Each structure stands twice: as structure tokens, then as C-alpha cells.
Amino acid sequence: MSNEFQKASKFRFTSEVDYSEGGIVSKNVLKQANGNISLFAFDKGEGLSTHTAPFDAMVQVLEGKARVVIDGKSHDLEAGETIIMPANLPHSVEATEQFKMLLTMIKEIFKIP
């Protein structure tokens, strides 16, 4: 499987990444200067440790269940649910069971007056 999506072809997100025992698999959907969209598959117990980002990020759970902690507050999500992680607030993601997510990050573009 390629690490990039073929353009002008239909697909199903949940079929585009497979679980890896004890790991996390990711694939770029779109990658542009002003942001990107990435697809992830997390094995149970795997996650992204607490960090911050200088721009908002949206997590859409496609399959399974996860815990997203934003600024110390825990949010349990399941397939079909979405949460926005605000810029500059500490956040983390943990797979409470195997899960797949779509992560959308949009960077701020500075315009010259």
C-alpha cells in the first residue's frame, strides 16, 4: 500500500490503513503548505503523548474508540464522533481499543497587506 492517496479515485478511509500490532500506522490523504489531512490506525493502548500545536486540529473517529485529552480534560470518543483540539493547548490521543481516525490540521496563512 502506498503512503499517499491516489487522486480522482474513490476510496473508503477505513480500508486505506491496516492495524499494526503494538503500533501506529499513518497515511497522508492531502499534504499542502496551508495544512494536511492524515489517516491513522492505532493498536489498542497506543497513542500520541501530550504535546501542543500552533494551529487547530480536528480528530474524526472512523472506527473503534479513543480517549482524547485536551488541557487536562478527558474526552472518550467512538466511531462517528469528532473533536477539535484548539491551537496551543496541550493534548494527547490514546486508543482505548483499536481505532482509526482522520486528522485534519489547517495552518494559518499570513496575508501581506
Protein backbone atom coordinates (compact mmCIF):
# COMPACT_ATOMS: atom_id res chain seq x y z
CA MET A 1 0.00 0.00 0.00
CA SER A 2 1.35 3.44 -0.95
CA ASN A 3 1.67 6.16 1.71
CA GLU A 4 -0.29 8.59 -0.47
CA PHE A 5 -3.84 8.58 -1.77
CA GLN A 6 -4.49 8.31 -5.48
CA LYS A 7 -6.36 11.34 -6.76
CA ALA A 8 -9.53 11.13 -8.89
CA SER A 9 -10.30 7.65 -7.49
CA LYS A 10 -12.90 6.75 -4.91
CA PHE A 11 -11.89 5.09 -1.65
CA ARG A 12 -13.10 4.21 1.83
CA PHE A 13 -10.95 5.62 4.66
CA THR A 14 -11.29 2.54 6.87
CA SER A 15 -9.89 0.32 4.10
CA GLU A 16 -6.86 2.52 3.42
CA VAL A 17 -4.82 1.74 6.57
CA ASP A 18 -4.38 -1.54 8.43
CA TYR A 19 -3.68 -2.04 12.12
CA SER A 20 -0.15 -2.96 13.16
CA GLU A 21 0.29 -4.95 16.39
CA GLY A 22 1.74 -2.63 19.04
CA GLY A 23 1.96 0.29 16.64
CA ILE A 24 0.50 3.23 14.81
CA VAL A 25 0.14 3.41 11.02
CA SER A 26 -0.39 6.69 9.18
CA LYS A 27 -1.02 7.73 5.60
CA ASN A 28 -1.17 11.21 4.06
CA VAL A 29 -4.51 11.96 2.45
CA LEU A 30 -3.59 15.50 1.39
CA LYS A 31 -0.50 17.50 2.28
CA GLN A 32 -0.35 21.19 1.43
CA ALA A 33 1.53 24.25 2.71
CA ASN A 34 -1.60 25.50 4.49
CA GLY A 35 -2.44 22.21 6.21
CA ASN A 36 -2.83 18.49 5.83
CA ILE A 37 -5.19 15.58 6.31
CA SER A 38 -3.82 12.30 7.65
CA LEU A 39 -5.34 8.90 8.25
CA PHE A 40 -4.21 6.87 11.28
CA ALA A 41 -4.75 3.35 12.64
CA PHE A 42 -3.81 2.82 16.31
CA ASP A 43 -3.49 -0.54 18.03
CA LYS A 44 -5.13 -0.73 21.47
CA GLY A 45 -3.06 1.09 24.08
CA GLU A 46 -1.03 3.07 21.54
CA GLY A 47 -1.22 6.84 21.36
CA LEU A 48 0.30 10.24 20.83
CA SER A 49 1.82 11.69 24.00
CA THR A 50 0.91 15.12 25.32
CA HIS A 51 2.04 17.91 23.02
CA THR A 52 0.87 21.24 21.61
CA ALA A 53 0.46 22.52 18.06
CA PRO A 54 0.37 26.12 16.82
CA PHE A 55 -2.89 25.51 14.93
CA ASP A 56 -6.26 23.81 15.45
CA ALA A 57 -6.57 20.10 14.66
CA MET A 58 -9.74 18.08 14.15
CA VAL A 59 -9.98 14.38 15.03
CA GLN A 60 -12.72 12.31 13.40
CA VAL A 61 -13.01 8.77 14.77
CA LEU A 62 -13.80 6.41 11.89
CA GLU A 63 -13.65 3.08 13.70
CA GLY A 64 -13.16 1.91 17.30
CA LYS A 65 -12.71 4.04 20.43
CA ALA A 66 -10.19 6.57 21.70
CA ARG A 67 -9.54 8.95 24.55
CA VAL A 68 -8.51 12.48 23.66
CA VAL A 69 -7.24 14.67 26.49
CA ILE A 70 -7.29 18.42 25.88
CA ASP A 71 -5.84 20.76 28.50
CA GLY A 72 -6.29 18.06 31.17
CA LYS A 73 -9.91 17.24 30.30
CA SER A 74 -10.60 13.70 29.05
CA HIS A 75 -12.98 13.02 26.15
CA ASP A 76 -13.96 9.45 25.19
CA LEU A 77 -14.84 9.20 21.50
CA GLU A 78 -16.18 6.41 19.32
CA ALA A 79 -16.79 5.89 15.62
CA GLY A 80 -18.73 8.77 14.12
CA GLU A 81 -17.65 11.33 16.74
CA THR A 82 -15.37 14.33 16.18
CA ILE A 83 -13.48 16.78 18.39
CA ILE A 84 -11.42 19.89 17.68
CA MET A 85 -8.16 20.29 19.57
CA PRO A 86 -7.53 24.04 19.91
CA ALA A 87 -4.19 25.56 18.97
CA ASN A 88 -1.58 25.91 21.73
CA LEU A 89 -3.42 23.73 24.30
CA PRO A 90 -1.74 20.50 25.42
CA HIS A 91 -3.46 17.41 24.05
CA SER A 92 -2.93 13.67 23.69
CA VAL A 93 -4.62 10.73 21.99
CA GLU A 94 -4.87 7.14 23.29
CA ALA A 95 -6.51 4.10 21.71
CA THR A 96 -8.82 2.58 24.34
CA GLU A 97 -9.38 -0.13 21.71
CA GLN A 98 -8.09 -0.38 18.16
CA PHE A 99 -9.21 2.72 16.32
CA LYS A 100 -8.84 4.66 13.10
CA MET A 101 -9.01 8.42 12.83
CA LEU A 102 -8.83 11.18 10.29
CA LEU A 103 -6.73 14.14 11.48
CA THR A 104 -7.25 17.48 9.77
CA MET A 105 -4.85 20.32 10.53
CA ILE A 106 -5.26 23.74 8.96
CA LYS A 107 -2.42 26.19 9.38
CA GLU A 108 -2.93 29.91 9.50
CA ILE A 109 -1.80 31.67 6.35
CA PHE A 110 -0.44 35.16 6.86
CA LYS A 111 -1.51 37.67 4.26
CA ILE A 112 0.69 40.59 3.36
CA PRO A 113 -1.35 43.81 3.48
